[in-house]
């Protein structure tokens, strides 16, 4: 088992509901945005890009979740 940041792992991710995954992604995006504010100027863009990726992942999980619910 590979353990990531703050002890978070793929095994734990697998057990989360879609809503929990969306919230986790949004939280990670907010954190990356906060890091961007604190980062050296040459790293701010990287953190902002990371935040955007977390937002996109949350949106995609939400889109798929809604599609799956609509198909039921």
PDB file of N, CA and C in Angstrom:
ATOM      1  N   UNK A   1       0.847  -1.182   0.000  1.00  0.00           N
ATOM      2  CA  UNK A   1       0.000   0.000   0.000  1.00  0.00           C
ATOM      3  C   UNK A   1       0.888   1.239   0.000  1.00  0.00           C
ATOM      4  N   UNK A   2       0.592   2.152  -0.900  1.00  0.00           N
ATOM      5  CA  UNK A   2       1.314   3.410  -0.973  1.00  0.00           C
ATOM      6  C   UNK A   2       0.523   4.453  -0.190  1.00  0.00           C
ATOM      7  N   UNK A   3       1.202   5.124   0.717  1.00  0.00           N
ATOM      8  CA  UNK A   3       0.560   6.156   1.531  1.00  0.00           C
ATOM      9  C   UNK A   3       1.028   7.510   1.029  1.00  0.00           C
ATOM     10  N   UNK A   4       0.056   8.388   0.799  1.00  0.00           N
ATOM     11  CA  UNK A   4       0.365   9.701   0.264  1.00  0.00           C
ATOM     12  C   UNK A   4       0.415  10.760   1.346  1.00  0.00           C
ATOM     13  N   UNK A   5       0.130  11.970   0.938  1.00  0.00           N
ATOM     14  CA  UNK A   5       0.153  13.129   1.822  1.00  0.00           C
ATOM     15  C   UNK A   5      -0.836  12.928   2.965  1.00  0.00           C
ATOM     16  N   UNK A   6      -0.426  13.285   4.159  1.00  0.00           N
ATOM     17  CA  UNK A   6      -1.282  13.201   5.341  1.00  0.00           C
ATOM     18  C   UNK A   6      -1.829  11.801   5.575  1.00  0.00           C
ATOM     19  N   UNK A   7      -1.110  10.782   5.150  1.00  0.00           N
ATOM     20  CA  UNK A   7      -1.536   9.410   5.376  1.00  0.00           C
ATOM     21  C   UNK A   7      -2.648   8.951   4.448  1.00  0.00           C
ATOM     22  N   UNK A   8      -3.016   9.757   3.468  1.00  0.00           N
ATOM     23  CA  UNK A   8      -4.084   9.391   2.549  1.00  0.00           C
ATOM     24  C   UNK A   8      -3.556   8.350   1.575  1.00  0.00           C
ATOM     25  N   UNK A   9      -4.357   7.338   1.265  1.00  0.00           N
ATOM     26  CA  UNK A   9      -3.904   6.266   0.384  1.00  0.00           C
ATOM     27  C   UNK A   9      -4.943   5.944  -0.683  1.00  0.00           C
ATOM     28  N   UNK A  10      -4.504   5.229  -1.695  1.00  0.00           N
ATOM     29  CA  UNK A  10      -5.416   4.786  -2.750  1.00  0.00           C
ATOM     30  C   UNK A  10      -6.484   3.860  -2.172  1.00  0.00           C
ATOM     31  N   UNK A  11      -6.106   3.050  -1.194  1.00  0.00           N
ATOM     32  CA  UNK A  11      -7.087   2.172  -0.553  1.00  0.00           C
ATOM     33  C   UNK A  11      -8.187   2.985   0.123  1.00  0.00           C
ATOM     34  N   UNK A  12      -7.817   4.056   0.771  1.00  0.00           N
ATOM     35  CA  UNK A  12      -8.814   4.921   1.425  1.00  0.00           C
ATOM     36  C   UNK A  12      -9.690   5.596   0.371  1.00  0.00           C
ATOM     37  N   UNK A  13      -9.086   6.068  -0.714  1.00  0.00           N
ATOM     38  CA  UNK A  13      -9.826   6.726  -1.799  1.00  0.00           C
ATOM     39  C   UNK A  13     -10.889   5.784  -2.357  1.00  0.00           C
ATOM     40  N   UNK A  14     -10.503   4.526  -2.527  1.00  0.00           N
ATOM     41  CA  UNK A  14     -11.400   3.524  -3.093  1.00  0.00           C
ATOM     42  C   UNK A  14     -12.666   3.354  -2.249  1.00  0.00           C
ATOM     43  N   UNK A  15     -12.561   3.589  -0.951  1.00  0.00           N
ATOM     44  CA  UNK A  15     -13.685   3.398  -0.027  1.00  0.00           C
ATOM     45  C   UNK A  15     -14.596   4.617   0.083  1.00  0.00           C
ATOM     46  N   UNK A  16     -14.174   5.759  -0.484  1.00  0.00           N
ATOM     47  CA  UNK A  16     -14.971   6.980  -0.389  1.00  0.00           C
ATOM     48  C   UNK A  16     -16.138   6.954  -1.379  1.00  0.00           C
ATOM     49  N   UNK A  17     -17.224   7.570  -0.991  1.00  0.00           N
ATOM     50  CA  UNK A  17     -18.340   7.763  -1.927  1.00  0.00           C
ATOM     51  C   UNK A  17     -17.938   8.850  -2.915  1.00  0.00           C
ATOM     52  N   UNK A  18     -18.716   8.972  -3.990  1.00  0.00           N
ATOM     53  CA  UNK A  18     -18.434  10.038  -4.963  1.00  0.00           C
ATOM     54  C   UNK A  18     -18.489  11.407  -4.291  1.00  0.00           C
ATOM     55  N   UNK A  19     -19.493  11.610  -3.434  1.00  0.00           N
ATOM     56  CA  UNK A  19     -19.625  12.905  -2.758  1.00  0.00           C
ATOM     57  C   UNK A  19     -18.403  13.195  -1.885  1.00  0.00           C
ATOM     58  N   UNK A  20     -17.897  12.179  -1.218  1.00  0.00           N
ATOM     59  CA  UNK A  20     -16.698  12.362  -0.386  1.00  0.00           C
ATOM     60  C   UNK A  20     -15.471  12.642  -1.241  1.00  0.00           C
ATOM     61  N   UNK A  21     -15.383  11.979  -2.386  1.00  0.00           N
ATOM     62  CA  UNK A  21     -14.260  12.235  -3.302  1.00  0.00           C
ATOM     63  C   UNK A  21     -14.307  13.664  -3.829  1.00  0.00           C
ATOM     64  N   UNK A  22     -15.507  14.121  -4.184  1.00  0.00           N
ATOM     65  CA  UNK A  22     -15.669  15.491  -4.667  1.00  0.00           C
ATOM     66  C   UNK A  22     -15.229  16.474  -3.596  1.00  0.00           C
ATOM     67  N   UNK A  23     -15.670  16.260  -2.370  1.00  0.00           N
ATOM     68  CA  UNK A  23     -15.294  17.159  -1.273  1.00  0.00           C
ATOM     69  C   UNK A  23     -13.782  17.136  -1.041  1.00  0.00           C
ATOM     70  N   UNK A  24     -13.186  15.955  -1.096  1.00  0.00           N
ATOM     71  CA  UNK A  24     -11.731  15.842  -0.902  1.00  0.00           C
ATOM     72  C   UNK A  24     -10.997  16.630  -1.995  1.00  0.00           C
ATOM     73  N   UNK A  25     -11.445  16.503  -3.241  1.00  0.00           N
ATOM     74  CA  UNK A  25     -10.813  17.226  -4.350  1.00  0.00           C
ATOM     75  C   UNK A  25     -10.942  18.732  -4.169  1.00  0.00           C
ATOM     76  N   UNK A  26     -12.115  19.157  -3.761  1.00  0.00           N
ATOM     77  CA  UNK A  26     -12.322  20.595  -3.563  1.00  0.00           C
ATOM     78  C   UNK A  26     -11.477  21.122  -2.406  1.00  0.00           C
ATOM     79  N   UNK A  27     -11.334  20.318  -1.368  1.00  0.00           N
ATOM     80  CA  UNK A  27     -10.491  20.701  -0.240  1.00  0.00           C
ATOM     81  C   UNK A  27      -9.025  20.818  -0.701  1.00  0.00           C
ATOM     82  N   UNK A  28      -8.592  19.851  -1.495  1.00  0.00           N
ATOM     83  CA  UNK A  28      -7.220  19.883  -2.005  1.00  0.00           C
ATOM     84  C   UNK A  28      -7.011  21.108  -2.901  1.00  0.00           C
ATOM     85  N   UNK A  29      -8.019  21.470  -3.674  1.00  0.00           N
ATOM     86  CA  UNK A  29      -7.926  22.661  -4.526  1.00  0.00           C
ATOM     87  C   UNK A  29      -7.798  23.924  -3.676  1.00  0.00           C
ATOM     88  N   UNK A  30      -8.602  24.002  -2.622  1.00  0.00           N
ATOM     89  CA  UNK A  30      -8.509  25.174  -1.729  1.00  0.00           C
ATOM     90  C   UNK A  30      -7.126  25.240  -1.086  1.00  0.00           C
ATOM     91  N   UNK A  31      -6.604  24.087  -0.709  1.00  0.00           N
ATOM     92  CA  UNK A  31      -5.279  24.050  -0.089  1.00  0.00           C
ATOM     93  C   UNK A  31      -4.203  24.495  -1.080  1.00  0.00           C
ATOM     94  N   UNK A  32      -4.284  24.019  -2.311  1.00  0.00           N
ATOM     95  CA  UNK A  32      -3.304  24.412  -3.327  1.00  0.00           C
ATOM     96  C   UNK A  32      -3.391  25.915  -3.603  1.00  0.00           C
ATOM     97  N   UNK A  33      -4.613  26.458  -3.619  1.00  0.00           N
ATOM     98  CA  UNK A  33      -4.768  27.912  -3.786  1.00  0.00           C
ATOM     99  C   UNK A  33      -4.109  28.664  -2.630  1.00  0.00           C
ATOM    100  N   UNK A  34      -4.278  28.148  -1.414  1.00  0.00           N
ATOM    101  CA  UNK A  34      -3.658  28.788  -0.249  1.00  0.00           C
ATOM    102  C   UNK A  34      -2.134  28.709  -0.344  1.00  0.00           C
ATOM    103  N   UNK A  35      -1.619  27.579  -0.801  1.00  0.00           N
ATOM    104  CA  UNK A  35      -0.165  27.445  -0.974  1.00  0.00           C
ATOM    105  C   UNK A  35       0.337  28.439  -2.011  1.00  0.00           C
ATOM    106  N   UNK A  36      -0.452  28.656  -3.067  1.00  0.00           N
ATOM    107  CA  UNK A  36      -0.050  29.607  -4.115  1.00  0.00           C
ATOM    108  C   UNK A  36       0.147  31.001  -3.537  1.00  0.00           C
ATOM    109  N   UNK A  37      -0.713  31.375  -2.607  1.00  0.00           N
ATOM    110  CA  UNK A  37      -0.601  32.692  -1.978  1.00  0.00           C
ATOM    111  C   UNK A  37       0.687  32.828  -1.162  1.00  0.00           C
ATOM    112  N   UNK A  38       1.150  31.719  -0.616  1.00  0.00           N
ATOM    113  CA  UNK A  38       2.332  31.736   0.251  1.00  0.00           C
ATOM    114  C   UNK A  38       3.634  31.427  -0.496  1.00  0.00           C
ATOM    115  N   UNK A  39       3.498  30.901  -1.707  1.00  0.00           N
ATOM    116  CA  UNK A  39       4.671  30.423  -2.447  1.00  0.00           C
ATOM    117  C   UNK A  39       5.502  31.572  -3.012  1.00  0.00           C
ATOM    118  N   UNK A  40       6.742  31.237  -3.296  1.00  0.00           N
ATOM    119  CA  UNK A  40       7.607  32.170  -4.015  1.00  0.00           C
ATOM    120  C   UNK A  40       6.970  32.435  -5.380  1.00  0.00           C
ATOM    121  N   UNK A  41       7.189  33.615  -5.930  1.00  0.00           N
ATOM    122  CA  UNK A  41       6.552  33.983  -7.205  1.00  0.00           C
ATOM    123  C   UNK A  41       6.751  32.946  -8.318  1.00  0.00           C
ATOM    124  N   UNK A  42       7.923  32.346  -8.385  1.00  0.00           N
ATOM    125  CA  UNK A  42       8.185  31.385  -9.468  1.00  0.00           C
ATOM    126  C   UNK A  42       7.426  30.069  -9.291  1.00  0.00           C
ATOM    127  N   UNK A  43       6.845  29.831  -8.120  1.00  0.00           N
ATOM    128  CA  UNK A  43       6.077  28.603  -7.877  1.00  0.00           C
ATOM    129  C   UNK A  43       4.568  28.832  -7.807  1.00  0.00           C
ATOM    130  N   UNK A  44       4.143  30.065  -7.768  1.00  0.00           N
ATOM    131  CA  UNK A  44       2.717  30.349  -7.632  1.00  0.00           C
ATOM    132  C   UNK A  44       1.884  29.745  -8.766  1.00  0.00           C
ATOM    133  N   UNK A  45       2.364  29.854  -9.974  1.00  0.00           N
ATOM    134  CA  UNK A  45       1.627  29.316 -11.120  1.00  0.00           C
ATOM    135  C   UNK A  45       1.463  27.804 -11.010  1.00  0.00           C
ATOM    136  N   UNK A  46       2.478  27.132 -10.534  1.00  0.00           N
ATOM    137  CA  UNK A  46       2.401  25.676 -10.391  1.00  0.00           C
ATOM    138  C   UNK A  46       1.314  25.298  -9.393  1.00  0.00           C
ATOM    139  N   UNK A  47       1.265  25.994  -8.271  1.00  0.00           N
ATOM    140  CA  UNK A  47       0.227  25.704  -7.278  1.00  0.00           C
ATOM    141  C   UNK A  47      -1.160  26.047  -7.813  1.00  0.00           C
ATOM    142  N   UNK A  48      -1.272  27.132  -8.558  1.00  0.00           N
ATOM    143  CA  UNK A  48      -2.568  27.500  -9.139  1.00  0.00           C
ATOM    144  C   UNK A  48      -3.006  26.467 -10.172  1.00  0.00           C
ATOM    145  N   UNK A  49      -2.049  25.961 -10.951  1.00  0.00           N
ATOM    146  CA  UNK A  49      -2.367  24.899 -11.914  1.00  0.00           C
ATOM    147  C   UNK A  49      -2.822  23.627 -11.190  1.00  0.00           C
ATOM    148  N   UNK A  50      -2.157  23.314 -10.102  1.00  0.00           N
ATOM    149  CA  UNK A  50      -2.534  22.144  -9.305  1.00  0.00           C
ATOM    150  C   UNK A  50      -3.950  22.316  -8.762  1.00  0.00           C
ATOM    151  N   UNK A  51      -4.270  23.490  -8.274  1.00  0.00           N
ATOM    152  CA  UNK A  51      -5.621  23.767  -7.776  1.00  0.00           C
ATOM    153  C   UNK A  51      -6.643  23.581  -8.893  1.00  0.00           C
ATOM    154  N   UNK A  52      -6.321  24.067 -10.077  1.00  0.00           N
ATOM    155  CA  UNK A  52      -7.232  23.920 -11.216  1.00  0.00           C
ATOM    156  C   UNK A  52      -7.454  22.455 -11.561  1.00  0.00           C
ATOM    157  N   UNK A  53      -6.406  21.655 -11.480  1.00  0.00           N
ATOM    158  CA  UNK A  53      -6.534  20.214 -11.754  1.00  0.00           C
ATOM    159  C   UNK A  53      -7.442  19.537 -10.728  1.00  0.00           C
ATOM    160  N   UNK A  54      -7.299  19.890  -9.452  1.00  0.00           N
ATOM    161  CA  UNK A  54      -8.166  19.334  -8.406  1.00  0.00           C
ATOM    162  C   UNK A  54      -9.613  19.736  -8.670  1.00  0.00           C
ATOM    163  N   UNK A  55      -9.843  20.996  -9.062  1.00  0.00           N
ATOM    164  CA  UNK A  55     -11.199  21.448  -9.387  1.00  0.00           C
ATOM    165  C   UNK A  55     -11.765  20.662 -10.571  1.00  0.00           C
ATOM    166  N   UNK A  56     -10.942  20.439 -11.594  1.00  0.00           N
ATOM    167  CA  UNK A  56     -11.402  19.682 -12.759  1.00  0.00           C
ATOM    168  C   UNK A  56     -11.748  18.248 -12.386  1.00  0.00           C
ATOM    169  N   UNK A  57     -10.946  17.628 -11.530  1.00  0.00           N
ATOM    170  CA  UNK A  57     -11.229  16.265 -11.098  1.00  0.00           C
ATOM    171  C   UNK A  57     -12.543  16.215 -10.326  1.00  0.00           C
ATOM    172  N   UNK A  58     -12.756  17.166  -9.431  1.00  0.00           N
ATOM    173  CA  UNK A  58     -14.017  17.226  -8.676  1.00  0.00           C
ATOM    174  C   UNK A  58     -15.200  17.377  -9.632  1.00  0.00           C
ATOM    175  N   UNK A  59     -15.067  18.239 -10.609  1.00  0.00           N
ATOM    176  CA  UNK A  59     -16.148  18.463 -11.572  1.00  0.00           C
ATOM    177  C   UNK A  59     -16.434  17.215 -12.400  1.00  0.00           C
ATOM    178  N   UNK A  60     -15.394  16.524 -12.784  1.00  0.00           N
ATOM    179  CA  UNK A  60     -15.572  15.307 -13.588  1.00  0.00           C
ATOM    180  C   UNK A  60     -16.225  14.190 -12.766  1.00  0.00           C
ATOM    181  N   UNK A  61     -15.804  14.012 -11.532  1.00  0.00           N
ATOM    182  CA  UNK A  61     -16.431  13.014 -10.661  1.00  0.00           C
ATOM    183  C   UNK A  61     -17.907  13.359 -10.482  1.00  0.00           C
ATOM    184  N   UNK A  62     -18.198  14.635 -10.282  1.00  0.00           N
ATOM    185  CA  UNK A  62     -19.583  15.075 -10.105  1.00  0.00           C
ATOM    186  C   UNK A  62     -20.409  14.828 -11.374  1.00  0.00           C
ATOM    187  N   UNK A  63     -19.830  15.115 -12.536  1.00  0.00           N
ATOM    188  CA  UNK A  63     -20.525  14.899 -13.806  1.00  0.00           C
ATOM    189  C   UNK A  63     -20.879  13.429 -13.985  1.00  0.00           C
ATOM    190  N   UNK A  64     -19.922  12.557 -13.727  1.00  0.00           N
ATOM    191  CA  UNK A  64     -20.145  11.115 -13.875  1.00  0.00           C
ATOM    192  C   UNK A  64     -21.178  10.628 -12.857  1.00  0.00           C
ATOM    193  N   UNK A  65     -21.109  11.132 -11.643  1.00  0.00           N
ATOM    194  CA  UNK A  65     -22.055  10.751 -10.610  1.00  0.00           C
ATOM    195  C   UNK A  65     -23.480  11.122 -11.039  1.00  0.00           C
ATOM    196  N   UNK A  66     -23.647  12.334 -11.548  1.00  0.00           N
ATOM    197  CA  UNK A  66     -24.968  12.798 -11.992  1.00  0.00           C
ATOM    198  C   UNK A  66     -25.478  11.955 -13.157  1.00  0.00           C
ATOM    199  N   UNK A  67     -24.613  11.633 -14.092  1.00  0.00           N
ATOM    200  CA  UNK A  67     -24.999  10.776 -15.217  1.00  0.00           C
ATOM    201  C   UNK A  67     -25.458   9.407 -14.716  1.00  0.00           C
ATOM    202  N   UNK A  68     -24.707   8.861 -13.790  1.00  0.00           N
ATOM    203  CA  UNK A  68     -25.040   7.531 -13.264  1.00  0.00           C
ATOM    204  C   UNK A  68     -26.402   7.574 -12.539  1.00  0.00           C
ATOM    205  N   UNK A  69     -26.647   8.627 -11.766  1.00  0.00           N
ATOM    206  CA  UNK A  69     -27.927   8.754 -11.061  1.00  0.00           C
ATOM    207  C   UNK A  69     -29.075   8.933 -12.038  1.00  0.00           C
ATOM    208  N   UNK A  70     -28.840   9.692 -13.106  1.00  0.00           N
ATOM    209  CA  UNK A  70     -29.890   9.931 -14.094  1.00  0.00           C
ATOM    210  C   UNK A  70     -30.244   8.653 -14.857  1.00  0.00           C
ATOM    211  N   UNK A  71     -29.282   7.753 -14.996  1.00  0.00           N
ATOM    212  CA  UNK A  71     -29.492   6.510 -15.730  1.00  0.00           C
ATOM    213  C   UNK A  71     -30.253   5.470 -14.913  1.00  0.00           C
ATOM    214  N   UNK A  72     -30.377   5.708 -13.623  1.00  0.00           N
ATOM    215  CA  UNK A  72     -31.060   4.732 -12.762  1.00  0.00           C
ATOM    216  C   UNK A  72     -32.545   4.805 -12.897  1.00  0.00           C
TER     217      UNK A  72
END
